[in-house]
Amino acid sequence: MIFLISGIPGAGKTTVSRALAMRFDRAVHLEGDLIGHAFIVSGLVPADGQPADEAQRQLDLRRENIRMLARSFCDAGFVTVIDDVVVSPKLLEYYEAIGPIRFVQLCPRPDVVEARDAARDKQFFHVFKHLEEQRSMGPEPRPGLWLDSSDLTVDGTVTAILSATS
């Protein structure tokens, strides 16, 4: 079983993904930011960095490694929870090539995301807030579960995900 948890920066992807993985006896959480930022020890170009072609190359490399890890852990019997920003149908299709995925788009209100982002160590909402508009203009019907988690606790969000995807 593979879950793909998406949302704009500050939506709660990492927190919810880790909590979701903890609900299973054998599970792994593949955190997109960690795989991108912690694995590259020198020469990292962030997603919004320059040169843009190198930033995109590293983002593509990160995602390819996430796919390989997800497939490997899934094949070994682990529930796999991936968190990444997925704002285009093409990127979702890229991840779906792994196999059947339970896709969840976390959609808290922008004011909630901005407040959450301001309260954490890394602030990215101001850089990536344009993704909210891009995400909301996606195809209809929307694939997977689109969950407004604005008024939910982390535990409540995980329960809603499990109820809707089981």
Protein backbone atom coordinates (compact mmCIF):
# COMPACT_ATOMS: atom_id res chain seq x y z
CA MET A 1 0.00 0.00 0.00
CA ILE A 2 1.38 3.39 -0.99
CA PHE A 3 0.01 6.74 0.14
CA LEU A 4 1.01 9.99 -1.54
CA ILE A 5 0.28 12.97 0.68
CA SER A 6 0.39 16.33 -1.09
CA GLY A 7 -0.26 19.94 -0.27
CA ILE A 8 1.43 23.29 -0.57
CA PRO A 9 4.31 24.06 1.82
CA GLY A 10 2.83 24.47 5.30
CA ALA A 11 -0.25 22.33 4.60
CA GLY A 12 0.96 19.66 7.03
CA LYS A 13 2.26 16.99 4.64
CA THR A 14 5.22 15.90 6.72
CA THR A 15 3.43 15.91 10.07
CA VAL A 16 0.39 14.08 8.71
CA SER A 17 2.50 11.60 6.72
CA ARG A 18 4.56 10.63 9.75
CA ALA A 19 1.43 10.25 11.89
CA LEU A 20 -0.24 8.18 9.16
CA ALA A 21 2.76 5.86 8.91
CA MET A 22 2.68 5.40 12.69
CA ARG A 23 -0.81 3.87 12.41
CA PHE A 24 0.62 0.74 10.74
CA ASP A 25 2.76 -2.08 12.15
CA ARG A 26 5.27 -1.87 9.26
CA ALA A 27 5.49 1.48 7.57
CA VAL A 28 7.97 3.94 6.15
CA HIS A 29 7.70 7.70 5.59
CA LEU A 30 9.55 9.09 2.58
CA GLU A 31 9.81 12.81 3.20
CA GLY A 32 10.44 14.64 -0.06
CA ASP A 33 12.29 17.57 1.51
CA LEU A 34 14.53 15.28 3.54
CA ILE A 35 15.47 13.17 0.53
CA GLY A 36 16.27 16.30 -1.44
CA HIS A 37 17.98 18.44 1.17
CA ALA A 38 19.58 15.96 3.54
CA PHE A 39 20.93 13.55 0.95
CA ILE A 40 22.76 16.17 -1.13
CA VAL A 41 25.60 17.32 1.10
CA SER A 42 27.13 19.81 -1.33
CA GLY A 43 25.92 21.47 -4.49
CA LEU A 44 22.24 21.60 -3.51
CA VAL A 45 20.14 24.00 -5.57
CA PRO A 46 16.71 24.44 -3.92
CA ALA A 47 13.56 24.18 -6.03
CA ASP A 48 13.30 27.96 -6.32
CA GLY A 49 17.08 28.43 -6.76
CA GLN A 50 19.40 29.26 -9.61
CA PRO A 51 20.36 28.01 -12.07
CA ALA A 52 16.77 26.94 -12.68
CA ASP A 53 17.72 24.01 -14.92
CA GLU A 54 19.90 22.53 -12.16
CA ALA A 55 17.15 23.11 -9.58
CA GLN A 56 14.72 21.19 -11.80
CA ARG A 57 17.26 18.42 -12.44
CA GLN A 58 17.76 17.93 -8.69
CA LEU A 59 14.00 17.99 -8.08
CA ASP A 60 13.53 15.31 -10.76
CA LEU A 61 16.37 13.26 -9.24
CA ARG A 62 14.80 13.54 -5.79
CA ARG A 63 11.47 12.30 -7.12
CA GLU A 64 13.03 9.42 -9.04
CA ASN A 65 14.78 8.30 -5.84
CA ILE A 66 11.53 8.58 -3.91
CA ARG A 67 9.85 6.32 -6.49
CA MET A 68 12.63 3.73 -6.27
CA LEU A 69 12.58 3.75 -2.47
CA ALA A 70 8.78 3.53 -2.39
CA ARG A 71 8.75 0.54 -4.71
CA SER A 72 11.51 -1.19 -2.73
CA PHE A 73 9.82 -0.70 0.66
CA CYS A 74 6.41 -1.64 -0.72
CA ASP A 75 7.83 -4.82 -2.26
CA ALA A 76 9.31 -5.65 1.16
CA GLY A 77 5.86 -5.43 2.77
CA PHE A 78 5.96 -1.92 4.23
CA VAL A 79 3.10 0.54 3.97
CA THR A 80 4.80 3.45 2.27
CA VAL A 81 3.83 7.07 2.85
CA ILE A 82 5.33 9.67 0.52
CA ASP A 83 5.00 13.39 1.05
CA ASP A 84 5.60 15.76 -1.83
CA VAL A 85 4.04 18.79 -3.48
CA VAL A 86 1.93 17.46 -6.36
CA VAL A 87 0.19 20.25 -8.26
CA SER A 88 -0.05 18.80 -11.75
CA PRO A 89 -1.75 15.73 -13.23
CA LYS A 90 1.53 14.87 -14.99
CA LEU A 91 3.39 14.63 -11.67
CA LEU A 92 0.64 12.50 -10.17
CA GLU A 93 0.88 10.17 -13.18
CA TYR A 94 4.64 10.01 -12.63
CA TYR A 95 4.10 8.74 -9.09
CA GLU A 96 1.26 6.42 -10.14
CA ALA A 97 3.76 4.57 -12.34
CA ILE A 98 5.01 2.97 -9.08
CA GLY A 99 1.70 1.14 -8.77
CA PRO A 100 -1.66 1.79 -7.11
CA ILE A 101 -1.43 4.90 -4.96
CA ARG A 102 -3.82 6.38 -2.43
CA PHE A 103 -3.49 10.06 -3.29
CA VAL A 104 -4.42 12.70 -0.71
CA GLN A 105 -4.29 16.44 -1.36
CA LEU A 106 -4.31 18.39 1.92
CA CYS A 107 -6.21 21.63 1.29
CA PRO A 108 -6.31 23.77 4.42
CA ARG A 109 -7.38 27.39 3.87
CA PRO A 110 -4.51 29.69 2.80
CA ASP A 111 -4.74 31.71 6.04
CA VAL A 112 -4.28 28.49 8.05
CA VAL A 113 -1.30 27.46 5.92
CA GLU A 114 0.30 30.88 6.33
CA ALA A 115 -0.13 30.74 10.12
CA ARG A 116 1.30 27.19 10.30
CA ASP A 117 4.22 28.19 8.10
CA ALA A 118 5.01 31.21 10.28
CA ALA A 119 5.13 28.99 13.37
CA ARG A 120 7.75 26.56 12.05
CA ASP A 121 11.52 26.71 11.64
CA LYS A 122 11.45 26.86 7.84
CA GLN A 123 9.18 29.40 6.18
CA PHE A 124 8.32 28.78 2.53
CA PHE A 125 4.74 29.98 2.16
CA HIS A 126 5.79 33.35 0.73
CA VAL A 127 7.95 31.64 -1.90
CA PHE A 128 5.46 28.97 -2.94
CA LYS A 129 2.04 30.51 -2.27
CA HIS A 130 1.47 30.62 -6.05
CA LEU A 131 1.20 26.82 -5.87
CA GLU A 132 -2.13 27.20 -4.04
CA GLU A 133 -3.68 28.71 -7.16
CA GLN A 134 -2.02 26.16 -9.43
CA ARG A 135 -3.19 23.28 -7.22
CA SER A 136 -6.77 24.55 -7.05
CA MET A 137 -7.00 24.83 -10.84
CA GLY A 138 -6.43 21.10 -11.29
CA PRO A 139 -8.60 18.79 -13.36
CA GLU A 140 -12.20 17.91 -12.59
CA PRO A 141 -13.10 15.47 -11.22
CA ARG A 142 -10.21 15.73 -8.84
CA PRO A 143 -8.22 12.54 -8.33
CA GLY A 144 -7.98 10.98 -4.90
CA LEU A 145 -9.07 12.61 -1.65
CA TRP A 146 -9.02 16.42 -1.37
CA LEU A 147 -9.22 17.15 2.34
CA ASP A 148 -9.73 20.53 3.96
CA SER A 149 -7.75 19.94 7.14
CA SER A 150 -8.07 23.54 8.38
CA ASP A 151 -10.09 22.63 11.45
CA LEU A 152 -8.77 19.10 12.01
CA THR A 153 -6.08 17.94 14.39
CA VAL A 154 -3.27 15.79 13.01
CA ASP A 155 -4.98 12.71 14.46
CA GLY A 156 -8.32 13.80 12.99
CA THR A 157 -6.70 14.32 9.59
CA VAL A 158 -5.15 10.83 9.67
CA THR A 159 -8.47 9.29 10.72
CA ALA A 160 -10.24 11.08 7.86
CA ILE A 161 -7.63 9.82 5.39
CA LEU A 162 -7.93 6.24 6.59
CA SER A 163 -11.73 6.37 6.57
CA ALA A 164 -11.87 7.76 3.03
CA THR A 165 -9.18 5.54 1.49
CA SER A 166 -9.99 2.15 3.00
